Amino acid sequence: MPGSKNIFPATASFSWTSYLKETKAVVAPDKCFKQNPEVPENEFALNMKLEAQDPRSSTSTCIATIVGIQGPRLRLRLDGSDNKNDFWRLVDSSDIKPVGTCEKNGGMLQPPLGFRMNASSWPLFLQRTLTTAKLAPPTAFKPEPPTPDKNFFEVGMKLEAVDRKNSFLICPGTVAKVDNRMIFISFDGWSGAFDYWCEFSSRDIFPVGWCAKTGHYLQPPGNKGQPKVRRPSLSPGLPSPSQLISSSPSTTKQDPHISSSLNHTPDSATVYLKSTCVCGPYLSSSKVKQMPTQIGPTTPSYVLQDIAQLCIDAAVQPKAVYPFLKAFPSGSSSIKVSFGGNTYTTFLKVPESSSQLWEYIDKLAEQLLCCENFFSAKQLQGICPKCAREDSPTSKLSTNSQQRPGPTKRSLSTDSPLNTKMPRNVVTEAASSTTESKNQRPSTSDPSRWTIDEVIRFVVDQDPAISQHSELFRKQEIDGKAFLLLNSDMMMKYMGLKLGPALKLCSLIEKLKQRRQNSQR
């Protein structure tokens, strides 16, 4: 396999030979596995498209993009979905096919479960997706190996198995139980929370030595009696591997993926809050002024926890901000929220690097509709240039929706492991903030030319009661033109709104249309 395709280097810190001698264990023979004796060549490349079964809906065949390659395994993302639902398949899996296979067999490609756009836009989305797509060649798809005649596994046999909670990891495991067609996989040295049952013909289990043979990284066994928690991830877009936290520095396992040094120390992060920046409609400006100006330096996980808690405490309505936290990947960092006389706890995925922390913060700032410099990596002195420009009367009158750039990320996307992180800018030139002031105006008086953010600002300013639904407009990518086409049926059927909020929005849309007609006379 070409080395450039592998996300991780093969580990040199773990030896099956030594481990088997130490444990006096027996390896499962090759006949137990539904795997090719000879490793199939991986002829796929990043960003190629293919057809794949939606793992959450086995009856749906969807378009998928290859966003990662590790040995003979492909990391796939269903087009129209997000990186929270990526999954892995082998190059000889029967779940993947060349584009066009579904249609040849009389079927139709379906939108993935949780399609981010309006369901009615799927045909056009599919057409645009495939027009300029780089399709995986039919020769890259290898025939699936035959299923073993029966379950040959025995209790105590060693193998290599995918960690299903961190599915890009493969770890040493033991067959702990056998029950007809099923076997119970126990991961060596880790708590039982990650163990699972699977069929003996599962494609997620491999013979001992498979990772070394294919160049795939093999996660070493843990130390018994110590808790298994998240380990730093190579890329924020990837699921995080497991980490062992030890009371003894000499036994703490470090992730070899992050640095060439095995003595790599965890990232330390500091976030500065500028209370004079526009904080958006969801946060109370008076409460924001009471927030600390600096969080850290400390670990990224503690920084995120503090920021999330501060935003909840400073919220005009905590129940409107709470869904923003629930949208993040779940994990072990707890956030308690009190509203309506009740206390709620949500658990966020721990960010294991500064780059991942800033992706979380950027996303939160985008949802809160606050100034891009409200959270920053460096302390900003004096008046925020971004807020000053937004408050300028001339800027409001002279810009239009085509001249004014939309919101931009402060870093490149890291969905692909090959992307390189750009430094975070303290002051950006893109307009992505809103303001609590009623003097804030869209960049143009013509609502059909509004951006998605301008639609959201209009809805929030006109009726704060529906502010909790504003994120739906971003998820459905509703700009001004699409906003004017909405009706109550579409909002209830495709956006999941109840009748009350849908009618309120319809009323706002009608007023906009009337105002637009009057201005054109």
Protein backbone atom coordinates (compact mmCIF):
# COMPACT_ATOMS: atom_id res chain seq x y z
CA MET A 1 0.00 0.00 0.00
CA PRO A 2 1.31 3.50 -0.74
CA GLY A 3 2.43 5.04 2.52
CA SER A 4 0.81 8.39 1.77
CA LYS A 5 -2.62 6.83 2.00
CA ASN A 6 -2.22 5.74 5.60
CA ILE A 7 -3.48 8.05 8.31
CA PHE A 8 -1.30 6.45 10.97
CA PRO A 9 2.09 4.79 10.93
CA ALA A 10 2.27 1.14 11.90
CA THR A 11 3.06 0.91 15.60
CA ALA A 12 6.47 -0.27 16.74
CA SER A 13 5.56 -0.17 20.45
CA PHE A 14 3.56 -3.39 20.46
CA SER A 15 4.75 -6.89 19.50
CA TRP A 16 2.26 -9.72 19.13
CA THR A 17 5.09 -12.24 19.49
CA SER A 18 6.13 -10.92 22.91
CA TYR A 19 2.54 -10.39 23.98
CA LEU A 20 1.50 -13.94 23.11
CA LYS A 21 4.49 -15.37 24.98
CA GLU A 22 3.62 -13.25 28.00
CA THR A 23 -0.09 -14.16 28.00
CA LYS A 24 0.43 -17.76 26.82
CA ALA A 25 -2.54 -17.22 24.53
CA VAL A 26 -3.64 -18.92 21.30
CA VAL A 27 -4.35 -16.99 18.12
CA ALA A 28 -7.51 -17.57 16.11
CA PRO A 29 -6.61 -19.35 12.83
CA ASP A 30 -7.26 -17.68 9.48
CA LYS A 31 -10.14 -20.05 8.70
CA CYS A 32 -12.21 -18.33 11.40
CA PHE A 33 -12.36 -15.02 9.55
CA LYS A 34 -14.26 -13.64 6.61
CA GLN A 35 -11.14 -11.90 5.32
CA ASN A 36 -9.01 -12.41 2.23
CA PRO A 37 -5.77 -14.33 2.96
CA GLU A 38 -3.98 -11.90 0.64
CA VAL A 39 -4.61 -8.23 1.44
CA PRO A 40 -6.53 -6.65 -1.47
CA GLU A 41 -4.88 -3.67 -3.12
CA ASN A 42 -6.44 -0.30 -2.29
CA GLU A 43 -6.90 1.52 -5.60
CA PHE A 44 -9.20 4.18 -4.17
CA ALA A 45 -8.20 7.80 -3.62
CA LEU A 46 -9.44 10.59 -1.39
CA ASN A 47 -12.56 12.45 -2.57
CA MET A 48 -13.65 9.68 -4.94
CA LYS A 49 -17.38 8.96 -4.88
CA LEU A 50 -19.15 5.63 -4.74
CA GLU A 51 -22.46 4.08 -3.71
CA ALA A 52 -22.79 2.79 -0.15
CA GLN A 53 -25.48 1.48 2.13
CA ASP A 54 -26.51 3.93 4.84
CA PRO A 55 -25.37 2.12 8.03
CA ARG A 56 -28.35 3.63 9.88
CA SER A 57 -30.85 2.51 7.24
CA SER A 58 -29.94 -0.78 5.58
CA THR A 59 -32.58 -0.36 2.85
CA SER A 60 -31.11 2.94 1.61
CA THR A 61 -28.32 3.21 -0.94
CA CYS A 62 -26.62 6.62 -0.92
CA ILE A 63 -23.79 8.53 -2.55
CA ALA A 64 -20.68 8.58 -0.36
CA THR A 65 -17.32 10.35 -0.54
CA ILE A 66 -14.01 8.85 0.57
CA VAL A 67 -12.66 11.20 3.24
CA GLY A 68 -10.00 8.94 4.72
CA ILE A 69 -7.91 5.91 3.81
CA GLN A 70 -6.10 3.57 6.19
CA GLY A 71 -4.63 0.45 4.68
CA PRO A 72 -7.43 -1.43 2.91
CA ARG A 73 -10.08 0.51 4.88
CA LEU A 74 -12.05 3.51 3.60
CA ARG A 75 -13.56 6.24 5.74
CA LEU A 76 -16.84 7.24 4.08
CA ARG A 77 -19.13 10.23 4.46
CA LEU A 78 -22.60 10.19 2.96
CA ASP A 79 -23.15 13.23 0.75
CA GLY A 80 -25.65 15.53 2.42
CA SER A 81 -24.68 14.27 5.86
CA ASP A 82 -22.08 15.58 8.31
CA ASN A 83 -18.83 14.22 9.76
CA LYS A 84 -20.57 12.93 12.89
CA ASN A 85 -21.83 9.91 10.97
CA ASP A 86 -18.71 8.84 9.08
CA PHE A 87 -18.14 5.09 8.85
CA TRP A 88 -15.48 2.67 7.62
CA ARG A 89 -15.62 -0.09 5.02
CA LEU A 90 -13.05 -2.46 3.54
CA VAL A 91 -12.21 -2.23 -0.15
CA ASP A 92 -13.70 -5.71 -0.61
CA SER A 93 -16.94 -4.94 1.24
CA SER A 94 -20.24 -5.81 -0.40
CA ASP A 95 -21.69 -2.58 1.05
CA ILE A 96 -19.91 -0.39 -1.51
CA LYS A 97 -20.49 -0.30 -5.27
CA PRO A 98 -19.52 1.86 -8.27
CA VAL A 99 -21.79 4.82 -8.96
CA GLY A 100 -24.57 3.70 -11.27
CA THR A 101 -25.01 0.21 -9.81
CA CYS A 102 -28.21 1.09 -7.98
CA GLU A 103 -29.84 2.53 -11.11
CA LYS A 104 -28.77 -0.48 -13.22
CA ASN A 105 -30.52 -2.75 -10.74
CA GLY A 106 -33.73 -0.73 -10.92
CA GLY A 107 -33.23 1.15 -7.66
CA MET A 108 -32.97 4.83 -6.74
CA LEU A 109 -30.31 6.59 -4.72
CA GLN A 110 -31.76 7.93 -1.48
CA PRO A 111 -30.82 10.91 0.69
CA PRO A 112 -29.01 9.85 3.87
CA LEU A 113 -30.86 9.67 7.15
CA GLY A 114 -30.72 13.19 8.59
CA PHE A 115 -30.22 14.85 5.18
CA ARG A 116 -29.22 18.43 6.04
CA MET A 117 -31.23 20.14 3.32
CA ASN A 118 -34.87 20.23 2.31
CA ALA A 119 -35.90 16.74 1.20
CA SER A 120 -37.47 18.15 -1.98
CA SER A 121 -34.06 19.45 -3.05
CA TRP A 122 -32.49 15.95 -3.10
CA PRO A 123 -32.79 15.33 -6.88
CA LEU A 124 -31.09 18.64 -7.72
CA PHE A 125 -28.49 18.11 -4.99
CA LEU A 126 -27.70 14.65 -6.38
CA GLN A 127 -27.40 15.96 -9.93
CA ARG A 128 -25.01 18.74 -8.88
CA THR A 129 -22.99 16.36 -6.73
CA LEU A 130 -22.37 13.90 -9.56
CA THR A 131 -21.83 16.43 -12.37
CA THR A 132 -18.22 17.18 -11.49
CA ALA A 133 -17.57 14.22 -9.18
CA LYS A 134 -14.50 12.03 -9.33
CA LEU A 135 -16.02 8.54 -9.47
CA ALA A 136 -14.23 5.50 -8.10
CA PRO A 137 -13.29 3.15 -10.97
CA PRO A 138 -15.07 -0.24 -11.07
CA THR A 139 -11.68 -2.00 -10.88
CA ALA A 140 -11.13 -0.61 -7.37
CA PHE A 141 -14.01 -2.68 -5.97
CA LYS A 142 -12.78 -6.11 -4.93
CA PRO A 143 -14.92 -9.26 -4.53
CA GLU A 144 -15.98 -10.06 -0.99
CA PRO A 145 -14.28 -13.13 0.54
CA PRO A 146 -16.37 -16.24 1.25
CA THR A 147 -18.01 -16.78 4.63
CA PRO A 148 -16.43 -19.53 6.78
CA ASP A 149 -18.38 -22.80 6.80
CA LYS A 150 -19.14 -22.46 10.49
CA ASN A 151 -18.10 -20.67 13.67
CA PHE A 152 -14.57 -21.97 14.34
CA PHE A 153 -13.84 -19.54 17.18
CA GLU A 154 -13.09 -20.80 20.68
CA VAL A 155 -13.00 -18.97 24.00
CA GLY A 156 -9.59 -17.48 24.70
CA MET A 157 -8.47 -17.04 21.09
CA LYS A 158 -6.72 -13.78 20.24
CA LEU A 159 -7.59 -11.54 17.30
CA GLU A 160 -7.63 -7.92 16.15
CA ALA A 161 -10.95 -6.08 16.20
CA VAL A 162 -12.42 -2.69 15.36
CA ASP A 163 -13.31 -0.55 18.38
CA ARG A 164 -16.89 0.27 17.42
CA LYS A 165 -17.01 3.35 19.62
CA ASN A 166 -13.86 4.68 17.92
CA SER A 167 -14.27 2.92 14.62
CA PHE A 168 -10.99 3.99 13.02
CA LEU A 169 -9.13 2.07 15.75
CA ILE A 170 -8.24 -1.62 15.63
CA CYS A 171 -7.18 -3.18 18.95
CA PRO A 172 -5.98 -6.56 20.27
CA GLY A 173 -8.91 -8.57 21.61
CA THR A 174 -9.92 -11.92 23.03
CA VAL A 175 -12.88 -14.17 22.27
CA ALA A 176 -14.55 -14.15 25.71
CA LYS A 177 -17.73 -16.08 24.81
CA VAL A 178 -19.12 -18.14 21.94
CA ASP A 179 -22.84 -18.59 21.32
CA ASN A 180 -23.90 -20.30 18.08
CA ARG A 181 -23.10 -17.78 15.32
CA MET A 182 -22.09 -15.06 17.77
CA ILE A 183 -18.81 -14.30 19.54
CA PHE A 184 -18.16 -11.81 22.34
CA ILE A 185 -15.07 -9.62 21.81
CA SER A 186 -13.25 -8.36 24.91
CA PHE A 187 -10.57 -5.71 24.35
CA ASP A 188 -7.36 -6.55 26.15
CA GLY A 189 -6.53 -4.22 29.01
CA TRP A 190 -9.61 -1.99 28.69
CA SER A 191 -12.84 -1.76 30.65
CA GLY A 192 -15.75 -3.89 29.48
CA ALA A 193 -17.73 -0.87 28.28
CA PHE A 194 -16.18 -1.21 24.83
CA ASP A 195 -16.69 -4.96 24.41
CA TYR A 196 -19.38 -6.24 22.05
CA TRP A 197 -21.10 -9.23 20.44
CA CYS A 198 -20.76 -9.81 16.72
CA GLU A 199 -21.34 -12.57 14.18
CA PHE A 200 -18.39 -14.85 13.48
CA SER A 201 -18.52 -13.61 9.86
CA SER A 202 -18.16 -9.92 10.85
CA ARG A 203 -15.83 -7.84 8.66
CA ASP A 204 -14.74 -5.92 11.78
CA ILE A 205 -12.55 -8.73 13.12
CA PHE A 206 -9.16 -9.78 11.77
CA PRO A 207 -6.44 -12.41 12.33
CA VAL A 208 -3.50 -11.55 14.55
CA GLY A 209 -0.92 -9.67 12.48
CA TRP A 210 -3.44 -8.19 10.03
CA CYS A 211 -2.59 -4.60 10.97
CA ALA A 212 1.15 -5.18 10.59
CA LYS A 213 0.52 -6.84 7.23
CA THR A 214 -1.62 -3.98 5.89
CA GLY A 215 0.19 -1.04 7.48
CA HIS A 216 -2.85 -0.20 9.62
CA TYR A 217 -2.18 1.27 13.06
CA LEU A 218 -2.81 -1.17 15.94
CA GLN A 219 -3.84 0.37 19.25
CA PRO A 220 -1.78 -1.39 21.99
CA PRO A 221 -3.62 -3.07 24.89
CA GLY A 222 -4.41 -0.94 27.93
CA ASN A 223 -3.36 -1.48 31.51
CA LYS A 224 -5.91 -3.39 33.53
CA GLY A 225 -7.58 -1.63 36.41
CA GLN A 226 -7.25 1.81 34.88
CA PRO A 227 -10.12 3.77 33.33
CA LYS A 228 -10.45 4.07 29.60
CA VAL A 229 -11.16 7.58 28.40
CA ARG A 230 -10.77 9.55 25.20
CA ARG A 231 -7.30 9.87 23.72
CA PRO A 232 -6.20 12.80 21.54
CA SER A 233 -7.35 12.51 17.94
CA LEU A 234 -5.26 13.06 14.85
CA SER A 235 -7.94 15.23 13.33
CA PRO A 236 -11.05 16.87 14.82
CA GLY A 237 -13.06 15.28 12.02
CA LEU A 238 -12.06 11.79 13.13
CA PRO A 239 -13.54 9.90 16.08
CA SER A 240 -11.18 10.08 19.07
CA PRO A 241 -9.20 7.00 20.11
CA SER A 242 -9.20 5.81 23.69
CA GLN A 243 -6.76 7.18 26.23
CA LEU A 244 -5.42 5.66 29.39
CA ILE A 245 -4.97 8.09 32.29
CA SER A 246 -2.49 6.82 34.85
CA SER A 247 -1.47 8.12 38.26
CA SER A 248 2.12 7.33 37.32
CA PRO A 249 3.71 9.46 34.58
CA SER A 250 5.93 6.56 33.58
CA THR A 251 2.93 4.42 32.63
CA THR A 252 0.83 7.07 30.88
CA LYS A 253 0.26 6.10 27.27
CA GLN A 254 0.78 8.90 24.79
CA ASP A 255 -0.78 8.99 21.35
CA PRO A 256 1.93 8.45 18.72
CA HIS A 257 -0.33 10.02 16.08
CA ILE A 258 -0.11 13.54 17.37
CA SER A 259 3.64 13.96 17.38
CA SER A 260 6.74 12.08 16.47
CA SER A 261 7.69 12.34 20.11
CA LEU A 262 6.19 9.80 22.50
CA ASN A 263 6.64 12.36 25.27
CA HIS A 264 4.23 14.81 23.69
CA THR A 265 2.34 16.81 26.35
CA PRO A 266 -1.35 17.70 26.06
CA ASP A 267 -2.24 21.05 24.50
CA SER A 268 -2.79 24.02 26.76
CA ALA A 269 -5.32 26.60 25.63
CA THR A 270 -6.32 30.13 26.60
CA VAL A 271 -9.45 31.89 25.37
CA TYR A 272 -10.10 35.61 25.75
CA LEU A 273 -13.63 36.98 25.96
CA LYS A 274 -14.32 40.55 24.83
CA SER A 275 -17.50 41.63 26.57
CA THR A 276 -17.75 44.83 24.51
CA CYS A 277 -18.17 42.83 21.30
CA VAL A 278 -21.62 42.12 19.94
CA CYS A 279 -22.86 39.08 21.86
CA GLY A 280 -25.91 38.31 19.71
CA PRO A 281 -29.58 37.83 20.60
CA TYR A 282 -29.14 34.74 22.75
CA LEU A 283 -26.83 36.24 25.41
CA SER A 284 -27.68 39.05 27.81
CA SER A 285 -25.27 41.96 27.31
CA SER A 286 -25.49 42.86 31.02
CA LYS A 287 -24.62 39.30 32.05
CA VAL A 288 -21.85 39.13 29.46
CA LYS A 289 -20.16 42.14 31.10
CA GLN A 290 -19.86 40.06 34.28
CA MET A 291 -18.07 37.20 32.48
CA PRO A 292 -14.31 36.77 32.99
CA THR A 293 -12.07 38.22 30.31
CA GLN A 294 -9.84 35.15 30.18
CA ILE A 295 -10.23 31.39 30.53
CA GLY A 296 -7.06 29.37 30.94
CA PRO A 297 -4.35 28.54 30.36
CA THR A 298 -5.62 25.02 30.98
CA THR A 299 -6.52 21.91 29.01
CA PRO A 300 -8.89 22.32 26.02
CA SER A 301 -11.54 20.20 27.77
CA TYR A 302 -11.71 22.49 30.79
CA VAL A 303 -11.78 25.58 28.57
CA LEU A 304 -14.75 24.23 26.60
CA GLN A 305 -16.58 23.25 29.77
CA ASP A 306 -16.11 26.74 31.25
CA ILE A 307 -17.20 28.51 28.05
CA ALA A 308 -20.30 26.36 27.68
CA GLN A 309 -21.29 26.95 31.31
CA LEU A 310 -20.67 30.71 31.02
CA CYS A 311 -22.85 30.93 27.91
CA ILE A 312 -25.67 29.08 29.64
CA ASP A 313 -25.37 31.34 32.69
CA ALA A 314 -25.37 34.47 30.52
CA ALA A 315 -28.22 33.34 28.26
CA VAL A 316 -31.42 35.36 27.97
CA GLN A 317 -33.23 32.02 27.82
CA PRO A 318 -31.06 29.01 28.75
CA LYS A 319 -33.49 26.67 27.00
CA ALA A 320 -32.71 28.43 23.71
CA VAL A 321 -28.93 27.98 24.12
CA TYR A 322 -29.10 24.44 25.50
CA PRO A 323 -29.82 22.82 22.07
CA PHE A 324 -26.57 24.35 20.76
CA LEU A 325 -24.64 22.29 23.32
CA LYS A 326 -26.68 19.16 22.62
CA ALA A 327 -25.66 19.43 18.95
CA PHE A 328 -22.01 18.80 19.83
CA PRO A 329 -20.73 15.21 19.93
CA SER A 330 -21.46 13.57 23.27
CA GLY A 331 -18.62 12.72 25.62
CA SER A 332 -17.47 12.91 29.21
CA SER A 333 -17.35 16.67 29.94
CA SER A 334 -20.50 17.50 31.92
CA ILE A 335 -22.45 20.77 31.65
CA LYS A 336 -25.32 21.46 34.03
CA VAL A 337 -28.15 23.70 32.91
CA SER A 338 -30.94 25.04 35.09
CA PHE A 339 -34.18 26.43 33.69
CA GLY A 340 -37.86 25.93 34.32
CA GLY A 341 -37.16 24.83 37.87
CA ASN A 342 -35.19 21.79 36.67
CA THR A 343 -31.50 20.99 36.28
CA TYR A 344 -30.31 19.24 33.15
CA THR A 345 -26.92 17.68 32.48
CA THR A 346 -25.43 17.18 29.04
CA PHE A 347 -22.08 15.54 28.32
CA LEU A 348 -19.82 17.00 25.65
CA LYS A 349 -17.06 15.23 23.79
CA VAL A 350 -13.72 16.29 25.21
CA PRO A 351 -11.64 18.37 22.74
CA GLU A 352 -8.17 16.86 22.85
CA SER A 353 -6.31 19.62 21.03
CA SER A 354 -6.39 23.39 20.67
CA SER A 355 -7.37 23.09 17.02
CA GLN A 356 -10.39 20.97 17.90
CA LEU A 357 -11.31 23.35 20.73
CA TRP A 358 -11.38 26.29 18.32
CA GLU A 359 -13.60 24.37 15.92
CA TYR A 360 -16.06 23.90 18.78
CA ILE A 361 -15.83 27.57 19.78
CA ASP A 362 -16.23 28.79 16.19
CA LYS A 363 -19.34 26.64 15.82
CA LEU A 364 -20.78 27.90 19.11
CA ALA A 365 -20.10 31.54 18.15
CA GLU A 366 -21.77 30.95 14.81
CA GLN A 367 -24.86 29.53 16.51
CA LEU A 368 -24.98 32.33 19.08
CA LEU A 369 -24.74 34.89 16.25
CA CYS A 370 -22.08 36.79 18.16
CA CYS A 371 -19.08 38.71 16.86
CA GLU A 372 -16.22 36.59 15.55
CA ASN A 373 -13.92 38.30 18.04
CA PHE A 374 -16.17 37.68 21.04
CA PHE A 375 -13.96 34.63 21.64
CA SER A 376 -10.33 35.02 20.55
CA ALA A 377 -6.96 33.35 20.95
CA LYS A 378 -5.20 36.64 21.70
CA GLN A 379 -6.34 39.53 23.84
CA LEU A 380 -7.86 42.27 21.68
CA GLN A 381 -7.11 45.79 22.92
CA GLY A 382 -9.48 48.73 22.49
CA ILE A 383 -12.60 48.71 20.34
CA CYS A 384 -13.19 45.63 18.18
CA PRO A 385 -12.65 46.72 14.53
CA LYS A 386 -15.28 44.23 13.43
CA CYS A 387 -18.00 45.63 15.70
CA ALA A 388 -16.99 49.20 14.88
CA ARG A 389 -17.35 48.50 11.15
CA GLU A 390 -20.75 46.86 11.69
CA ASP A 391 -21.99 49.87 13.65
CA SER A 392 -20.86 52.36 11.02
CA PRO A 393 -23.84 53.99 9.24
CA THR A 394 -21.90 54.16 5.98
CA SER A 395 -21.15 50.45 6.02
CA LYS A 396 -24.82 49.65 6.40
CA LEU A 397 -25.79 51.83 3.47
CA SER A 398 -22.97 51.10 1.07
CA THR A 399 -22.71 47.34 1.21
CA ASN A 400 -24.95 44.85 -0.53
CA SER A 401 -25.37 41.13 -0.31
CA GLN A 402 -23.09 40.45 -3.24
CA GLN A 403 -20.26 42.67 -2.07
CA ARG A 404 -20.43 41.63 1.56
CA PRO A 405 -18.76 38.30 2.28
CA GLY A 406 -20.63 35.70 4.27
CA PRO A 407 -19.39 34.16 7.49
CA THR A 408 -16.01 32.51 7.23
CA LYS A 409 -14.32 29.95 9.41
CA ARG A 410 -11.16 30.98 11.20
CA SER A 411 -9.50 27.80 10.07
CA LEU A 412 -9.62 25.34 7.23
CA SER A 413 -11.99 22.42 7.52
CA THR A 414 -10.34 19.36 9.02
CA ASP A 415 -12.78 16.79 7.74
CA SER A 416 -9.99 15.28 5.70
CA PRO A 417 -6.90 14.12 7.54
CA LEU A 418 -4.74 15.72 4.85
CA ASN A 419 -6.01 19.25 5.40
CA THR A 420 -3.63 21.64 7.12
CA LYS A 421 -4.78 23.90 9.93
CA MET A 422 -4.41 27.62 9.35
CA PRO A 423 -3.58 29.97 12.21
CA ARG A 424 -6.60 31.46 13.89
CA ASN A 425 -7.03 35.15 13.09
CA VAL A 426 -7.70 37.52 15.91
CA VAL A 427 -9.40 40.05 13.67
CA THR A 428 -11.11 38.88 10.49
CA GLU A 429 -12.58 40.86 7.65
CA ALA A 430 -15.61 38.64 7.15
CA ALA A 431 -19.00 39.68 8.45
CA SER A 432 -20.49 36.94 10.56
CA SER A 433 -21.80 38.76 13.60
CA THR A 434 -25.11 40.25 14.44
CA THR A 435 -26.09 42.82 17.01
CA GLU A 436 -28.66 43.30 19.70
CA SER A 437 -29.32 46.80 18.48
CA LYS A 438 -32.48 47.34 16.48
CA ASN A 439 -30.47 49.62 14.21
CA GLN A 440 -28.74 46.57 12.72
CA ARG A 441 -29.97 46.18 9.14
CA PRO A 442 -29.51 43.53 6.47
CA SER A 443 -26.94 44.39 3.85
CA THR A 444 -29.70 45.03 1.31
CA SER A 445 -33.35 46.02 1.50
CA ASP A 446 -34.29 43.32 -1.00
CA PRO A 447 -35.03 40.19 1.09
CA SER A 448 -34.56 37.90 -1.90
CA ARG A 449 -30.84 38.79 -1.79
CA TRP A 450 -30.34 38.18 1.91
CA THR A 451 -27.75 35.68 3.09
CA ILE A 452 -28.61 32.85 5.49
CA ASP A 453 -27.27 34.87 8.44
CA GLU A 454 -29.35 37.88 7.45
CA VAL A 455 -32.49 35.76 7.35
CA ILE A 456 -31.69 34.45 10.82
CA ARG A 457 -31.06 37.96 12.13
CA PHE A 458 -34.36 39.16 10.71
CA VAL A 459 -36.32 36.31 12.29
CA VAL A 460 -34.65 36.74 15.69
CA ASP A 461 -35.10 40.54 15.69
CA GLN A 462 -38.74 40.37 14.62
CA ASP A 463 -39.88 37.69 17.05
CA PRO A 464 -37.54 36.50 19.82
CA ALA A 465 -40.07 33.77 20.65
CA ILE A 466 -38.98 31.86 17.55
CA SER A 467 -35.27 32.41 18.10
CA GLN A 468 -34.94 28.84 19.35
CA HIS A 469 -35.79 27.65 15.82
CA SER A 470 -33.34 29.96 14.04
CA GLU A 471 -30.64 27.28 13.67
CA LEU A 472 -33.01 25.33 11.42
CA PHE A 473 -32.54 28.02 8.77
CA ARG A 474 -28.79 27.40 8.80
CA LYS A 475 -29.16 23.62 8.70
CA GLN A 476 -31.62 23.84 5.79
CA GLU A 477 -29.47 26.55 4.11
CA ILE A 478 -32.40 28.95 3.77
CA ASP A 479 -31.31 32.26 2.29
CA GLY A 480 -33.58 35.17 1.38
CA LYS A 481 -34.87 33.69 -1.85
CA ALA A 482 -35.74 30.38 -0.19
CA PHE A 483 -37.24 32.18 2.82
CA LEU A 484 -39.77 33.99 0.63
CA LEU A 485 -40.87 30.66 -0.87
CA LEU A 486 -41.65 29.00 2.46
CA ASN A 487 -45.19 28.18 3.49
CA SER A 488 -46.65 26.59 6.62
CA ASP A 489 -46.86 23.09 5.10
CA MET A 490 -43.18 23.11 4.08
CA MET A 491 -42.08 24.39 7.49
CA MET A 492 -44.07 21.75 9.34
CA LYS A 493 -43.21 18.84 7.03
CA TYR A 494 -39.55 19.48 6.24
CA MET A 495 -38.35 21.69 9.09
CA GLY A 496 -40.31 19.96 11.86
CA LEU A 497 -41.92 23.17 13.13
CA LYS A 498 -45.20 23.14 14.98
CA LEU A 499 -48.20 25.03 13.66
CA GLY A 500 -47.77 28.07 15.94
CA PRO A 501 -44.19 29.00 14.97
CA ALA A 502 -44.91 28.14 11.33
CA LEU A 503 -47.84 30.58 11.24
CA LYS A 504 -45.76 33.31 12.89
CA LEU A 505 -43.07 32.86 10.24
CA CYS A 506 -45.67 32.90 7.47
CA SER A 507 -46.93 36.21 8.82
CA LEU A 508 -43.41 37.66 8.74
CA ILE A 509 -42.91 36.39 5.18
CA GLU A 510 -46.16 37.96 4.01
CA LYS A 511 -45.16 41.30 5.53
CA LEU A 512 -41.81 41.07 3.75
CA LYS A 513 -43.48 40.31 0.44
CA GLN A 514 -45.88 43.23 0.88
CA ARG A 515 -43.03 45.58 1.77
CA ARG A 516 -41.08 44.37 -1.26
CA GLN A 517 -44.04 44.97 -3.58
CA ASN A 518 -44.56 48.47 -2.19
CA SER A 519 -40.89 49.37 -2.71
CA GLN A 520 -41.05 48.23 -6.35
CA ARG A 521 -44.01 50.44 -7.23
